[in-house]
Amino acid sequence: MTASGVDLPSSMITFADIDGDHRDDYLAVNDHGRIWAWRNNCGGGGLSWVVQGEIATGVGAARNQVFLTDLNGDRRDDYLVSSTTGMVAAWSNNGQVRKG
């Protein structure tokens, strides 16, 4: 087993690299685009998943409109919201992730 879960529906769970270490982290995205994270520390000693808490307050977008991908090449996935017309708004991941 890689992750024991956080007692949320699987539809809320996604994985993305929020800290640029080439390991995807465990994320929960709610119906309004808020995101809570558990940083992947596998192979780093100590706990396997480090609680980060809420990392994005959301912008009221539906979960299926929220995407996480690296737009600027810094290896940290950024927060994107796609509208129903295909317009995309993006917020850069500034790297403020707790390391332990």
PDB file of N, CA and C in Angstrom:
ATOM      1  N   MET A   1       0.841  -1.172   0.000  1.00  0.00           N
ATOM      2  CA  MET A   1       0.000   0.000   0.000  1.00  0.00           C
ATOM      3  C   MET A   1       0.891   1.242   0.000  1.00  0.00           C
ATOM      4  N   THR A   2       0.587   2.178  -0.877  1.00  0.00           N
ATOM      5  CA  THR A   2       1.347   3.419  -0.976  1.00  0.00           C
ATOM      6  C   THR A   2       0.787   4.500  -0.063  1.00  0.00           C
ATOM      7  N   ALA A   3      -0.542   4.634  -0.024  1.00  0.00           N
ATOM      8  CA  ALA A   3      -1.189   5.629   0.837  1.00  0.00           C
ATOM      9  C   ALA A   3      -2.432   5.006   1.451  1.00  0.00           C
ATOM     10  N   SER A   4      -2.593   5.167   2.747  1.00  0.00           N
ATOM     11  CA  SER A   4      -3.727   4.549   3.432  1.00  0.00           C
ATOM     12  C   SER A   4      -5.021   5.341   3.256  1.00  0.00           C
ATOM     13  N   GLY A   5      -4.930   6.544   2.709  1.00  0.00           N
ATOM     14  CA  GLY A   5      -6.126   7.344   2.465  1.00  0.00           C
ATOM     15  C   GLY A   5      -6.411   8.320   3.587  1.00  0.00           C
ATOM     16  N   VAL A   6      -7.309   9.255   3.306  1.00  0.00           N
ATOM     17  CA  VAL A   6      -7.640  10.303   4.277  1.00  0.00           C
ATOM     18  C   VAL A   6      -9.148  10.390   4.494  1.00  0.00           C
ATOM     19  N   ASP A   7      -9.839   9.281   4.266  1.00  0.00           N
ATOM     20  CA  ASP A   7     -11.282   9.171   4.493  1.00  0.00           C
ATOM     21  C   ASP A   7     -12.078  10.174   3.651  1.00  0.00           C
ATOM     22  N   LEU A   8     -11.689  10.300   2.384  1.00  0.00           N
ATOM     23  CA  LEU A   8     -12.386  11.140   1.421  1.00  0.00           C
ATOM     24  C   LEU A   8     -12.711  10.307   0.189  1.00  0.00           C
ATOM     25  N   PRO A   9     -13.717  10.694  -0.577  1.00  0.00           N
ATOM     26  CA  PRO A   9     -14.027   9.952  -1.804  1.00  0.00           C
ATOM     27  C   PRO A   9     -12.861  10.002  -2.793  1.00  0.00           C
ATOM     28  N   SER A  10     -12.675   8.933  -3.527  1.00  0.00           N
ATOM     29  CA  SER A  10     -11.574   8.876  -4.495  1.00  0.00           C
ATOM     30  C   SER A  10     -11.684   9.965  -5.553  1.00  0.00           C
ATOM     31  N   SER A  11     -12.880  10.476  -5.803  1.00  0.00           N
ATOM     32  CA  SER A  11     -13.051  11.545  -6.793  1.00  0.00           C
ATOM     33  C   SER A  11     -12.371  12.840  -6.362  1.00  0.00           C
ATOM     34  N   MET A  12     -12.062  12.978  -5.074  1.00  0.00           N
ATOM     35  CA  MET A  12     -11.395  14.181  -4.576  1.00  0.00           C
ATOM     36  C   MET A  12      -9.873  14.065  -4.601  1.00  0.00           C
ATOM     37  N   ILE A  13      -9.350  12.878  -4.832  1.00  0.00           N
ATOM     38  CA  ILE A  13      -7.907  12.642  -4.717  1.00  0.00           C
ATOM     39  C   ILE A  13      -7.224  12.768  -6.073  1.00  0.00           C
ATOM     40  N   THR A  14      -6.082  13.448  -6.059  1.00  0.00           N
ATOM     41  CA  THR A  14      -5.237  13.546  -7.249  1.00  0.00           C
ATOM     42  C   THR A  14      -3.784  13.593  -6.794  1.00  0.00           C
ATOM     43  N   PHE A  15      -2.882  13.489  -7.721  1.00  0.00           N
ATOM     44  CA  PHE A  15      -1.460  13.523  -7.416  1.00  0.00           C
ATOM     45  C   PHE A  15      -0.786  14.549  -8.307  1.00  0.00           C
ATOM     46  N   ALA A  16       0.120  15.338  -7.731  1.00  0.00           N
ATOM     47  CA  ALA A  16       0.883  16.342  -8.475  1.00  0.00           C
ATOM     48  C   ALA A  16       2.145  16.647  -7.678  1.00  0.00           C
ATOM     49  N   ASP A  17       3.186  17.078  -8.349  1.00  0.00           N
ATOM     50  CA  ASP A  17       4.445  17.426  -7.683  1.00  0.00           C
ATOM     51  C   ASP A  17       4.384  18.892  -7.272  1.00  0.00           C
ATOM     52  N   ILE A  18       4.104  19.161  -5.997  1.00  0.00           N
ATOM     53  CA  ILE A  18       3.970  20.543  -5.534  1.00  0.00           C
ATOM     54  C   ILE A  18       5.274  21.145  -5.045  1.00  0.00           C
ATOM     55  N   ASP A  19       6.297  20.311  -4.836  1.00  0.00           N
ATOM     56  CA  ASP A  19       7.548  20.841  -4.296  1.00  0.00           C
ATOM     57  C   ASP A  19       8.749  20.660  -5.218  1.00  0.00           C
ATOM     58  N   GLY A  20       8.544  20.157  -6.415  1.00  0.00           N
ATOM     59  CA  GLY A  20       9.625  20.071  -7.402  1.00  0.00           C
ATOM     60  C   GLY A  20      10.671  19.011  -7.137  1.00  0.00           C
ATOM     61  N   ASP A  21      10.333  17.985  -6.358  1.00  0.00           N
ATOM     62  CA  ASP A  21      11.321  16.948  -6.044  1.00  0.00           C
ATOM     63  C   ASP A  21      11.194  15.708  -6.935  1.00  0.00           C
ATOM     64  N   HIS A  22      10.419  15.802  -7.989  1.00  0.00           N
ATOM     65  CA  HIS A  22      10.185  14.715  -8.949  1.00  0.00           C
ATOM     66  C   HIS A  22       9.358  13.566  -8.382  1.00  0.00           C
ATOM     67  N   ARG A  23       8.691  13.790  -7.234  1.00  0.00           N
ATOM     68  CA  ARG A  23       7.788  12.789  -6.663  1.00  0.00           C
ATOM     69  C   ARG A  23       6.418  13.432  -6.515  1.00  0.00           C
ATOM     70  N   ASP A  24       5.403  12.779  -7.050  1.00  0.00           N
ATOM     71  CA  ASP A  24       4.056  13.325  -6.923  1.00  0.00           C
ATOM     72  C   ASP A  24       3.588  13.269  -5.475  1.00  0.00           C
ATOM     73  N   ASP A  25       2.884  14.301  -5.079  1.00  0.00           N
ATOM     74  CA  ASP A  25       2.343  14.425  -3.742  1.00  0.00           C
ATOM     75  C   ASP A  25       0.853  14.098  -3.761  1.00  0.00           C
ATOM     76  N   TYR A  26       0.304  13.774  -2.604  1.00  0.00           N
ATOM     77  CA  TYR A  26      -1.078  13.327  -2.440  1.00  0.00           C
ATOM     78  C   TYR A  26      -1.933  14.556  -2.161  1.00  0.00           C
ATOM     79  N   LEU A  27      -2.943  14.807  -2.989  1.00  0.00           N
ATOM     80  CA  LEU A  27      -3.760  16.013  -2.857  1.00  0.00           C
ATOM     81  C   LEU A  27      -5.240  15.672  -2.804  1.00  0.00           C
ATOM     82  N   ALA A  28      -5.975  16.471  -2.044  1.00  0.00           N
ATOM     83  CA  ALA A  28      -7.435  16.382  -1.998  1.00  0.00           C
ATOM     84  C   ALA A  28      -7.983  17.715  -2.494  1.00  0.00           C
ATOM     85  N   VAL A  29      -8.850  17.662  -3.504  1.00  0.00           N
ATOM     86  CA  VAL A  29      -9.446  18.867  -4.097  1.00  0.00           C
ATOM     87  C   VAL A  29     -10.950  18.817  -3.853  1.00  0.00           C
ATOM     88  N   ASN A  30     -11.506  19.858  -3.205  1.00  0.00           N
ATOM     89  CA  ASN A  30     -12.942  19.826  -2.920  1.00  0.00           C
ATOM     90  C   ASN A  30     -13.749  20.409  -4.081  1.00  0.00           C
ATOM     91  N   ASP A  31     -15.062  20.497  -3.898  1.00  0.00           N
ATOM     92  CA  ASP A  31     -15.966  20.946  -4.962  1.00  0.00           C
ATOM     93  C   ASP A  31     -15.812  22.413  -5.335  1.00  0.00           C
ATOM     94  N   HIS A  32     -15.040  23.173  -4.562  1.00  0.00           N
ATOM     95  CA  HIS A  32     -14.841  24.598  -4.836  1.00  0.00           C
ATOM     96  C   HIS A  32     -13.386  24.911  -5.198  1.00  0.00           C
ATOM     97  N   GLY A  33     -12.595  23.864  -5.428  1.00  0.00           N
ATOM     98  CA  GLY A  33     -11.213  24.048  -5.856  1.00  0.00           C
ATOM     99  C   GLY A  33     -10.206  24.224  -4.736  1.00  0.00           C
ATOM    100  N   ARG A  34     -10.627  24.079  -3.479  1.00  0.00           N
ATOM    101  CA  ARG A  34      -9.677  24.133  -2.362  1.00  0.00           C
ATOM    102  C   ARG A  34      -8.842  22.861  -2.376  1.00  0.00           C
ATOM    103  N   ILE A  35      -7.561  23.002  -2.012  1.00  0.00           N
ATOM    104  CA  ILE A  35      -6.658  21.843  -2.058  1.00  0.00           C
ATOM    105  C   ILE A  35      -5.924  21.684  -0.734  1.00  0.00           C
ATOM    106  N   TRP A  36      -5.906  20.444  -0.238  1.00  0.00           N
ATOM    107  CA  TRP A  36      -5.102  20.045   0.913  1.00  0.00           C
ATOM    108  C   TRP A  36      -4.054  19.062   0.403  1.00  0.00           C
ATOM    109  N   ALA A  37      -2.855  19.107   0.998  1.00  0.00           N
ATOM    110  CA  ALA A  37      -1.754  18.297   0.470  1.00  0.00           C
ATOM    111  C   ALA A  37      -1.040  17.499   1.553  1.00  0.00           C
ATOM    112  N   TRP A  38      -0.504  16.376   1.116  1.00  0.00           N
ATOM    113  CA  TRP A  38       0.403  15.542   1.890  1.00  0.00           C
ATOM    114  C   TRP A  38       1.624  15.338   0.997  1.00  0.00           C
ATOM    115  N   ARG A  39       2.769  15.904   1.418  1.00  0.00           N
ATOM    116  CA  ARG A  39       3.984  15.845   0.603  1.00  0.00           C
ATOM    117  C   ARG A  39       4.586  14.435   0.638  1.00  0.00           C
ATOM    118  N   ASN A  40       4.976  13.952  -0.524  1.00  0.00           N
ATOM    119  CA  ASN A  40       5.569  12.626  -0.677  1.00  0.00           C
ATOM    120  C   ASN A  40       7.000  12.667  -0.156  1.00  0.00           C
ATOM    121  N   ASN A  41       7.244  11.952   0.936  1.00  0.00           N
ATOM    122  CA  ASN A  41       8.575  11.890   1.529  1.00  0.00           C
ATOM    123  C   ASN A  41       9.143  10.474   1.436  1.00  0.00           C
ATOM    124  N   CYS A  42       8.547   9.646   0.577  1.00  0.00           N
ATOM    125  CA  CYS A  42       9.019   8.269   0.422  1.00  0.00           C
ATOM    126  C   CYS A  42      10.483   8.287   0.000  1.00  0.00           C
ATOM    127  N   GLY A  43      11.291   7.533   0.694  1.00  0.00           N
ATOM    128  CA  GLY A  43      12.719   7.495   0.394  1.00  0.00           C
ATOM    129  C   GLY A  43      13.490   8.599   1.087  1.00  0.00           C
ATOM    130  N   GLY A  44      12.802   9.516   1.769  1.00  0.00           N
ATOM    131  CA  GLY A  44      13.467  10.632   2.428  1.00  0.00           C
ATOM    132  C   GLY A  44      13.648  10.433   3.922  1.00  0.00           C
ATOM    133  N   GLY A  45      13.291   9.272   4.423  1.00  0.00           N
ATOM    134  CA  GLY A  45      13.372   9.019   5.856  1.00  0.00           C
ATOM    135  C   GLY A  45      12.170   9.613   6.564  1.00  0.00           C
ATOM    136  N   GLY A  46      11.890   9.144   7.732  1.00  0.00           N
ATOM    137  CA  GLY A  46      10.762   9.671   8.500  1.00  0.00           C
ATOM    138  C   GLY A  46       9.436   9.236   7.925  1.00  0.00           C
ATOM    139  N   LEU A  47       8.427  10.074   8.086  1.00  0.00           N
ATOM    140  CA  LEU A  47       7.093   9.769   7.591  1.00  0.00           C
ATOM    141  C   LEU A  47       7.079   9.689   6.073  1.00  0.00           C
ATOM    142  N   SER A  48       6.217   8.840   5.532  1.00  0.00           N
ATOM    143  CA  SER A  48       6.102   8.738   4.081  1.00  0.00           C
ATOM    144  C   SER A  48       5.322   9.899   3.483  1.00  0.00           C
ATOM    145  N   TRP A  49       4.294  10.383   4.165  1.00  0.00           N
ATOM    146  CA  TRP A  49       3.461  11.489   3.682  1.00  0.00           C
ATOM    147  C   TRP A  49       3.438  12.564   4.760  1.00  0.00           C
ATOM    148  N   VAL A  50       3.942  13.752   4.430  1.00  0.00           N
ATOM    149  CA  VAL A  50       4.045  14.847   5.390  1.00  0.00           C
ATOM    150  C   VAL A  50       2.873  15.803   5.185  1.00  0.00           C
ATOM    151  N   VAL A  51       2.070  15.994   6.224  1.00  0.00           N
ATOM    152  CA  VAL A  51       0.891  16.855   6.150  1.00  0.00           C
ATOM    153  C   VAL A  51       1.313  18.285   5.835  1.00  0.00           C
ATOM    154  N   GLN A  52       0.698  18.854   4.810  1.00  0.00           N
ATOM    155  CA  GLN A  52       0.940  20.249   4.441  1.00  0.00           C
ATOM    156  C   GLN A  52      -0.240  21.138   4.775  1.00  0.00           C
ATOM    157  N   GLY A  53      -1.405  20.527   4.988  1.00  0.00           N
ATOM    158  CA  GLY A  53      -2.613  21.305   5.243  1.00  0.00           C
ATOM    159  C   GLY A  53      -3.155  21.894   3.949  1.00  0.00           C
ATOM    160  N   GLU A  54      -3.927  22.957   4.085  1.00  0.00           N
ATOM    161  CA  GLU A  54      -4.515  23.597   2.912  1.00  0.00           C
ATOM    162  C   GLU A  54      -3.436  24.374   2.162  1.00  0.00           C
ATOM    163  N   ILE A  55      -3.293  24.094   0.856  1.00  0.00           N
ATOM    164  CA  ILE A  55      -2.285  24.799   0.061  1.00  0.00           C
ATOM    165  C   ILE A  55      -2.905  25.729  -0.968  1.00  0.00           C
ATOM    166  N   ALA A  56      -4.218  25.614  -1.197  1.00  0.00           N
ATOM    167  CA  ALA A  56      -4.916  26.520  -2.116  1.00  0.00           C
ATOM    168  C   ALA A  56      -6.327  26.723  -1.588  1.00  0.00           C
ATOM    169  N   THR A  57      -6.727  27.976  -1.443  1.00  0.00           N
ATOM    170  CA  THR A  57      -8.051  28.272  -0.893  1.00  0.00           C
ATOM    171  C   THR A  57      -9.151  28.111  -1.921  1.00  0.00           C
ATOM    172  N   GLY A  58      -8.776  27.948  -3.185  1.00  0.00           N
ATOM    173  CA  GLY A  58      -9.750  27.770  -4.245  1.00  0.00           C
ATOM    174  C   GLY A  58     -10.305  29.101  -4.718  1.00  0.00           C
ATOM    175  N   VAL A  59     -10.927  29.063  -5.878  1.00  0.00           N
ATOM    176  CA  VAL A  59     -11.500  30.273  -6.471  1.00  0.00           C
ATOM    177  C   VAL A  59     -12.958  30.050  -6.844  1.00  0.00           C
ATOM    178  N   GLY A  60     -13.560  29.034  -6.241  1.00  0.00           N
ATOM    179  CA  GLY A  60     -14.959  28.738  -6.510  1.00  0.00           C
ATOM    180  C   GLY A  60     -15.178  27.887  -7.743  1.00  0.00           C
ATOM    181  N   ALA A  61     -14.102  27.418  -8.353  1.00  0.00           N
ATOM    182  CA  ALA A  61     -14.212  26.579  -9.552  1.00  0.00           C
ATOM    183  C   ALA A  61     -14.568  25.151  -9.155  1.00  0.00           C
ATOM    184  N   ALA A  62     -15.323  24.486  -9.995  1.00  0.00           N
ATOM    185  CA  ALA A  62     -15.653  23.079  -9.767  1.00  0.00           C
ATOM    186  C   ALA A  62     -14.382  22.235  -9.846  1.00  0.00           C
ATOM    187  N   ARG A  63     -14.391  21.140  -9.118  1.00  0.00           N
ATOM    188  CA  ARG A  63     -13.220  20.252  -9.076  1.00  0.00           C
ATOM    189  C   ARG A  63     -12.768  19.834 -10.479  1.00  0.00           C
ATOM    190  N   ASN A  64     -13.712  19.579 -11.380  1.00  0.00           N
ATOM    191  CA  ASN A  64     -13.324  19.125 -12.722  1.00  0.00           C
ATOM    192  C   ASN A  64     -12.793  20.258 -13.597  1.00  0.00           C
ATOM    193  N   GLN A  65     -12.758  21.486 -13.071  1.00  0.00           N
ATOM    194  CA  GLN A  65     -12.174  22.608 -13.796  1.00  0.00           C
ATOM    195  C   GLN A  65     -10.771  22.938 -13.297  1.00  0.00           C
ATOM    196  N   VAL A  66     -10.338  22.287 -12.223  1.00  0.00           N
ATOM    197  CA  VAL A  66      -9.035  22.554 -11.616  1.00  0.00           C
ATOM    198  C   VAL A  66      -8.006  21.562 -12.150  1.00  0.00           C
ATOM    199  N   PHE A  67      -6.864  22.100 -12.588  1.00  0.00           N
ATOM    200  CA  PHE A  67      -5.772  21.279 -13.108  1.00  0.00           C
ATOM    201  C   PHE A  67      -4.475  21.691 -12.432  1.00  0.00           C
ATOM    202  N   LEU A  68      -3.568  20.750 -12.274  1.00  0.00           N
ATOM    203  CA  LEU A  68      -2.267  21.022 -11.693  1.00  0.00           C
ATOM    204  C   LEU A  68      -1.204  20.564 -12.679  1.00  0.00           C
ATOM    205  N   THR A  69      -0.393  21.506 -13.125  1.00  0.00           N
ATOM    206  CA  THR A  69       0.670  21.195 -14.066  1.00  0.00           C
ATOM    207  C   THR A  69       1.736  22.283 -13.981  1.00  0.00           C
ATOM    208  N   ASP A  70       2.949  21.958 -14.364  1.00  0.00           N
ATOM    209  CA  ASP A  70       4.059  22.912 -14.299  1.00  0.00           C
ATOM    210  C   ASP A  70       4.057  23.788 -15.552  1.00  0.00           C
ATOM    211  N   LEU A  71       3.711  25.045 -15.400  1.00  0.00           N
ATOM    212  CA  LEU A  71       3.666  25.966 -16.540  1.00  0.00           C
ATOM    213  C   LEU A  71       4.982  26.678 -16.805  1.00  0.00           C
ATOM    214  N   ASN A  72       5.774  26.922 -15.767  1.00  0.00           N
ATOM    215  CA  ASN A  72       6.953  27.763 -15.933  1.00  0.00           C
ATOM    216  C   ASN A  72       8.283  27.021 -15.852  1.00  0.00           C
ATOM    217  N   GLY A  73       8.262  25.716 -15.807  1.00  0.00           N
ATOM    218  CA  GLY A  73       9.488  24.923 -15.849  1.00  0.00           C
ATOM    219  C   GLY A  73      10.271  24.861 -14.556  1.00  0.00           C
ATOM    220  N   ASP A  74       9.656  25.231 -13.417  1.00  0.00           N
ATOM    221  CA  ASP A  74      10.380  25.180 -12.146  1.00  0.00           C
ATOM    222  C   ASP A  74      10.199  23.847 -11.424  1.00  0.00           C
ATOM    223  N   ARG A  75       9.543  22.895 -12.065  1.00  0.00           N
ATOM    224  CA  ARG A  75       9.285  21.536 -11.585  1.00  0.00           C
ATOM    225  C   ARG A  75       8.188  21.466 -10.534  1.00  0.00           C
ATOM    226  N   ARG A  76       7.600  22.605 -10.144  1.00  0.00           N
ATOM    227  CA  ARG A  76       6.481  22.609  -9.197  1.00  0.00           C
ATOM    228  C   ARG A  76       5.188  22.826  -9.978  1.00  0.00           C
ATOM    229  N   ASP A  77       4.211  21.934  -9.766  1.00  0.00           N
ATOM    230  CA  ASP A  77       2.944  22.072 -10.474  1.00  0.00           C
ATOM    231  C   ASP A  77       2.202  23.309 -10.000  1.00  0.00           C
ATOM    232  N   ASP A  78       1.648  24.042 -10.959  1.00  0.00           N
ATOM    233  CA  ASP A  78       0.905  25.268 -10.717  1.00  0.00           C
ATOM    234  C   ASP A  78      -0.592  24.973 -10.732  1.00  0.00           C
ATOM    235  N   TYR A  79      -1.409  25.928 -10.291  1.00  0.00           N
ATOM    236  CA  TYR A  79      -2.863  25.792 -10.145  1.00  0.00           C
ATOM    237  C   TYR A  79      -3.527  26.464 -11.343  1.00  0.00           C
ATOM    238  N   LEU A  80      -4.294  25.697 -12.103  1.00  0.00           N
ATOM    239  CA  LEU A  80      -4.993  26.221 -13.273  1.00  0.00           C
ATOM    240  C   LEU A  80      -6.477  25.950 -13.152  1.00  0.00           C
ATOM    241  N   VAL A  81      -7.271  26.874 -13.693  1.00  0.00           N
ATOM    242  CA  VAL A  81      -8.719  26.695 -13.757  1.00  0.00           C
ATOM    243  C   VAL A  81      -9.144  26.953 -15.193  1.00  0.00           C
ATOM    244  N   SER A  82      -9.850  25.993 -15.759  1.00  0.00           N
ATOM    245  CA  SER A  82     -10.361  26.102 -17.121  1.00  0.00           C
ATOM    246  C   SER A  82     -11.846  26.425 -17.061  1.00  0.00           C
ATOM    247  N   SER A  83     -12.252  27.452 -17.814  1.00  0.00           N
ATOM    248  CA  SER A  83     -13.674  27.812 -17.840  1.00  0.00           C
ATOM    249  C   SER A  83     -14.412  26.892 -18.805  1.00  0.00           C
ATOM    250  N   THR A  84     -15.719  26.991 -18.818  1.00  0.00           N
ATOM    251  CA  THR A  84     -16.522  26.172 -19.727  1.00  0.00           C
ATOM    252  C   THR A  84     -16.294  26.564 -21.186  1.00  0.00           C
ATOM    253  N   THR A  85     -15.714  27.755 -21.438  1.00  0.00           N
ATOM    254  CA  THR A  85     -15.416  28.187 -22.810  1.00  0.00           C
ATOM    255  C   THR A  85     -13.979  27.868 -23.214  1.00  0.00           C
ATOM    256  N   GLY A  86     -13.208  27.280 -22.288  1.00  0.00           N
ATOM    257  CA  GLY A  86     -11.832  26.917 -22.596  1.00  0.00           C
ATOM    258  C   GLY A  86     -10.793  27.943 -22.172  1.00  0.00           C
ATOM    259  N   MET A  87     -11.214  29.093 -21.664  1.00  0.00           N
ATOM    260  CA  MET A  87     -10.266  30.075 -21.149  1.00  0.00           C
ATOM    261  C   MET A  87      -9.615  29.502 -19.887  1.00  0.00           C
ATOM    262  N   VAL A  88      -8.316  29.733 -19.720  1.00  0.00           N
ATOM    263  CA  VAL A  88      -7.590  29.189 -18.578  1.00  0.00           C
ATOM    264  C   VAL A  88      -6.969  30.323 -17.768  1.00  0.00           C
ATOM    265  N   ALA A  89      -7.177  30.276 -16.457  1.00  0.00           N
ATOM    266  CA  ALA A  89      -6.519  31.192 -15.527  1.00  0.00           C
ATOM    267  C   ALA A  89      -5.509  30.367 -14.742  1.00  0.00           C
ATOM    268  N   ALA A  90      -4.364  30.966 -14.401  1.00  0.00           N
ATOM    269  CA  ALA A  90      -3.315  30.218 -13.712  1.00  0.00           C
ATOM    270  C   ALA A  90      -2.758  31.007 -12.537  1.00  0.00           C
ATOM    271  N   TRP A  91      -2.384  30.273 -11.491  1.00  0.00           N
ATOM    272  CA  TRP A  91      -1.716  30.820 -10.325  1.00  0.00           C
ATOM    273  C   TRP A  91      -0.433  30.029 -10.153  1.00  0.00           C
ATOM    274  N   SER A  92       0.683  30.733 -10.070  1.00  0.00           N
ATOM    275  CA  SER A  92       1.987  30.090  -9.962  1.00  0.00           C
ATOM    276  C   SER A  92       2.210  29.532  -8.561  1.00  0.00           C
ATOM    277  N   ASN A  93       2.798  28.360  -8.502  1.00  0.00           N
ATOM    278  CA  ASN A  93       3.191  27.737  -7.246  1.00  0.00           C
ATOM    279  C   ASN A  93       4.485  28.420  -6.810  1.00  0.00           C
ATOM    280  N   ASN A  94       4.443  29.156  -5.699  1.00  0.00           N
ATOM    281  CA  ASN A  94       5.615  29.917  -5.261  1.00  0.00           C
ATOM    282  C   ASN A  94       6.586  29.118  -4.407  1.00  0.00           C
ATOM    283  N   GLY A  95       6.324  27.838  -4.220  1.00  0.00           N
ATOM    284  CA  GLY A  95       7.264  26.975  -3.518  1.00  0.00           C
ATOM    285  C   GLY A  95       7.197  27.047  -2.008  1.00  0.00           C
ATOM    286  N   GLN A  96       6.158  27.613  -1.447  1.00  0.00           N
ATOM    287  CA  GLN A  96       6.020  27.728  -0.001  1.00  0.00           C
ATOM    288  C   GLN A  96       5.464  26.439   0.586  1.00  0.00           C
ATOM    289  N   VAL A  97       6.209  25.358   0.450  1.00  0.00           N
ATOM    290  CA  VAL A  97       5.790  24.054   0.953  1.00  0.00           C
ATOM    291  C   VAL A  97       6.677  23.677   2.127  1.00  0.00           C
ATOM    292  N   ARG A  98       6.051  23.225   3.229  1.00  0.00           N
ATOM    293  CA  ARG A  98       6.813  22.803   4.393  1.00  0.00           C
ATOM    294  C   ARG A  98       7.595  21.535   4.065  1.00  0.00           C
ATOM    295  N   LYS A  99       8.816  21.457   4.527  1.00  0.00           N
ATOM    296  CA  LYS A  99       9.672  20.311   4.240  1.00  0.00           C
ATOM    297  C   LYS A  99       9.637  19.237   5.298  1.00  0.00           C
ATOM    298  N   GLY A 100       8.944  19.412   6.374  1.00  0.00           N
ATOM    299  CA  GLY A 100       8.894  18.344   7.354  1.00  0.00           C
ATOM    300  C   GLY A 100       8.023  18.636   8.515  1.00  0.00           C
TER     301      GLY A 100
END
